[in-house]
Amino acid sequence: AYWKRETADRELAAGTQLRHAASNQFGRLKPGDNVWLATVRAGRLFLLGRIVVGEILPQHAAQRRLETTDLWPADFHLIARDDTFGRLVDLDIQHIAAALRFDSPTGKDRLNLASNQVDAQQLRAMRLLTASSAKLLQQTMARSGQSGT
């Protein structure tokens, strides 16, 4: 799932725990799914972390569950499984961007890296990573020493 650069930078600066994300696109998810969060800065792909979905709630229920009214307005709010949430990471993963693959019935299974840059528009719609790409992200995060979630 894609976060706008401004949102990612604000949440990173605040030291936010990665236990919640909101999007109108999260309706097809279910508890136990992994959601990888990313942003793009100056054409480079950055990994922000992973949420293991514990619950999917509508706006009002998420506000009650998280005890706040200051949530991004969206139809679906993911609440991380309690044993999995951690801090956001800020990991430049441009070096693996070309290796990432998505399940795609239309054949658009990879990022178009014109001039070795990522166009954020390619990530605006949530996409399903292949199992090998999810494993690559997990390994990359583990090697970096930034455990995230």
Protein backbone atom coordinates (compact mmCIF):
# COMPACT_ATOMS: atom_id res chain seq x y z
CA ALA A 1 0.00 0.00 0.00
CA TYR A 2 1.25 3.48 -0.83
CA TRP A 3 1.55 6.40 1.58
CA LYS A 4 2.07 9.89 0.22
CA ARG A 5 5.56 11.21 0.93
CA GLU A 6 4.18 13.95 3.19
CA THR A 7 2.23 11.44 5.27
CA ALA A 8 5.21 9.09 5.56
CA ASP A 9 7.58 11.88 6.57
CA ARG A 10 5.14 13.28 9.16
CA GLU A 11 4.55 9.87 10.75
CA LEU A 12 8.27 9.02 10.71
CA ALA A 13 9.15 12.33 12.40
CA ALA A 14 6.52 11.64 15.07
CA GLY A 15 7.97 8.17 15.79
CA THR A 16 4.56 6.65 15.14
CA GLN A 17 3.96 3.02 16.03
CA LEU A 18 2.77 1.10 13.00
CA ARG A 19 -0.45 -0.34 14.35
CA HIS A 20 -2.98 1.29 12.03
CA ALA A 21 -3.46 2.25 8.38
CA ALA A 22 -6.49 3.54 6.51
CA SER A 23 -7.60 3.31 2.89
CA ASN A 24 -10.73 2.93 0.82
CA GLN A 25 -8.88 0.07 -0.94
CA PHE A 26 -8.53 -2.20 2.12
CA GLY A 27 -11.97 -3.81 1.72
CA ARG A 28 -10.60 -6.95 0.07
CA LEU A 29 -8.20 -7.72 2.94
CA LYS A 30 -8.78 -10.13 5.80
CA PRO A 31 -7.22 -10.77 9.21
CA GLY A 32 -3.81 -12.38 8.88
CA ASP A 33 -2.94 -10.63 5.60
CA ASN A 34 0.33 -8.72 5.40
CA VAL A 35 0.23 -5.14 4.16
CA TRP A 36 3.56 -3.65 3.13
CA LEU A 37 3.65 0.14 3.27
CA ALA A 38 5.84 2.15 0.90
CA THR A 39 6.45 5.68 -0.30
CA VAL A 40 8.43 7.31 -3.09
CA ARG A 41 10.88 10.19 -2.65
CA ALA A 42 12.62 11.73 -5.66
CA GLY A 43 11.92 8.61 -7.72
CA ARG A 44 13.31 6.22 -5.10
CA LEU A 45 11.22 3.51 -3.41
CA PHE A 46 11.19 3.42 0.40
CA LEU A 47 9.77 0.71 2.63
CA LEU A 48 7.92 2.01 5.69
CA GLY A 49 7.01 -1.30 7.29
CA ARG A 50 4.52 -4.11 7.41
CA ILE A 51 1.20 -4.53 9.13
CA VAL A 52 -0.15 -7.98 9.88
CA VAL A 53 -3.88 -7.37 9.80
CA GLY A 54 -5.64 -8.10 13.07
CA GLU A 55 -8.92 -6.31 12.36
CA ILE A 56 -10.56 -4.33 9.58
CA LEU A 57 -12.91 -1.70 10.92
CA PRO A 58 -15.04 1.16 9.62
CA GLN A 59 -14.10 4.73 10.62
CA HIS A 60 -16.25 5.05 13.75
CA ALA A 61 -15.24 1.64 15.13
CA ALA A 62 -11.54 2.36 14.50
CA GLN A 63 -11.88 5.66 16.35
CA ARG A 64 -13.37 3.83 19.34
CA ARG A 65 -10.80 1.02 19.20
CA LEU A 66 -7.84 3.43 18.97
CA GLU A 67 -9.45 5.96 21.33
CA THR A 68 -9.00 8.90 18.97
CA THR A 69 -11.01 10.96 16.52
CA ASP A 70 -7.87 12.03 14.64
CA LEU A 71 -7.81 9.32 11.96
CA TRP A 72 -7.42 9.58 8.21
CA PRO A 73 -10.97 9.45 6.80
CA ALA A 74 -11.44 6.15 4.98
CA ASP A 75 -13.92 3.33 4.57
CA PHE A 76 -11.51 0.72 5.95
CA HIS A 77 -9.07 0.90 8.85
CA LEU A 78 -6.53 -1.84 9.49
CA ILE A 79 -5.58 -2.52 13.07
CA ALA A 80 -2.37 -4.52 13.41
CA ARG A 81 -2.39 -7.82 15.22
CA ASP A 82 -1.24 -6.98 18.77
CA ASP A 83 1.84 -9.20 18.68
CA THR A 84 3.18 -7.66 15.46
CA PHE A 85 3.20 -3.89 15.60
CA GLY A 86 6.36 -1.84 15.87
CA ARG A 87 7.85 1.44 14.68
CA LEU A 88 7.81 2.70 11.13
CA VAL A 89 11.05 2.14 9.25
CA ASP A 90 12.57 4.35 6.56
CA LEU A 91 14.39 1.93 4.32
CA ASP A 92 15.57 2.83 0.82
CA ILE A 93 14.76 -0.27 -1.26
CA GLN A 94 15.42 1.16 -4.71
CA HIS A 95 18.09 -1.52 -5.22
CA ILE A 96 15.40 -4.25 -5.18
CA ALA A 97 12.60 -2.33 -6.94
CA ALA A 98 13.29 -4.05 -10.28
CA ALA A 99 13.02 -7.48 -8.62
CA LEU A 100 9.59 -6.90 -7.06
CA ARG A 101 6.72 -8.76 -8.71
CA PHE A 102 2.96 -8.49 -8.36
CA ASP A 103 0.18 -10.95 -9.08
CA SER A 104 -1.43 -9.46 -12.17
CA PRO A 105 -3.95 -10.93 -14.57
CA THR A 106 -3.17 -8.10 -17.02
CA GLY A 107 0.57 -8.77 -17.19
CA LYS A 108 1.55 -5.61 -15.29
CA ASP A 109 3.54 -7.64 -12.81
CA ARG A 110 6.43 -5.25 -12.14
CA LEU A 111 7.23 -1.60 -11.62
CA ASN A 112 8.14 0.41 -14.69
CA LEU A 113 11.51 1.89 -13.80
CA ALA A 114 12.02 4.52 -16.49
CA SER A 115 15.48 6.03 -15.94
CA ASN A 116 15.78 3.76 -12.87
CA GLN A 117 13.08 5.79 -11.08
CA VAL A 118 9.76 4.76 -9.56
CA ASP A 119 6.70 6.75 -10.55
CA ALA A 120 4.49 6.87 -7.45
CA GLN A 121 1.39 6.65 -9.68
CA GLN A 122 2.17 2.94 -10.14
CA LEU A 123 1.57 2.38 -6.42
CA ARG A 124 -1.60 4.41 -5.91
CA ALA A 125 -3.77 1.32 -6.42
CA MET A 126 -3.05 -1.40 -3.91
CA ARG A 127 -1.30 -4.35 -5.54
CA LEU A 128 -0.73 -7.93 -4.44
CA LEU A 129 2.93 -8.91 -4.11
CA THR A 130 4.01 -12.40 -5.09
CA ALA A 131 5.15 -14.60 -2.20
CA SER A 132 8.77 -14.36 -3.36
CA SER A 133 8.61 -10.56 -3.43
CA ALA A 134 7.12 -10.42 0.07
CA LYS A 135 9.95 -12.70 1.23
CA LEU A 136 12.48 -10.40 -0.45
CA LEU A 137 11.05 -7.39 1.43
CA GLN A 138 11.18 -9.30 4.72
CA GLN A 139 14.80 -10.35 4.13
CA THR A 140 15.80 -6.84 3.09
CA MET A 141 14.26 -5.35 6.21
CA ALA A 142 15.89 -7.97 8.44
CA ARG A 143 19.34 -7.39 6.87
CA SER A 144 18.99 -3.64 7.38
CA GLY A 145 18.61 -4.07 11.14
CA GLN A 146 15.33 -2.14 11.01
CA SER A 147 12.90 -4.69 12.35
CA GLY A 148 9.75 -2.60 11.97
CA THR A 149 6.90 -5.04 12.54
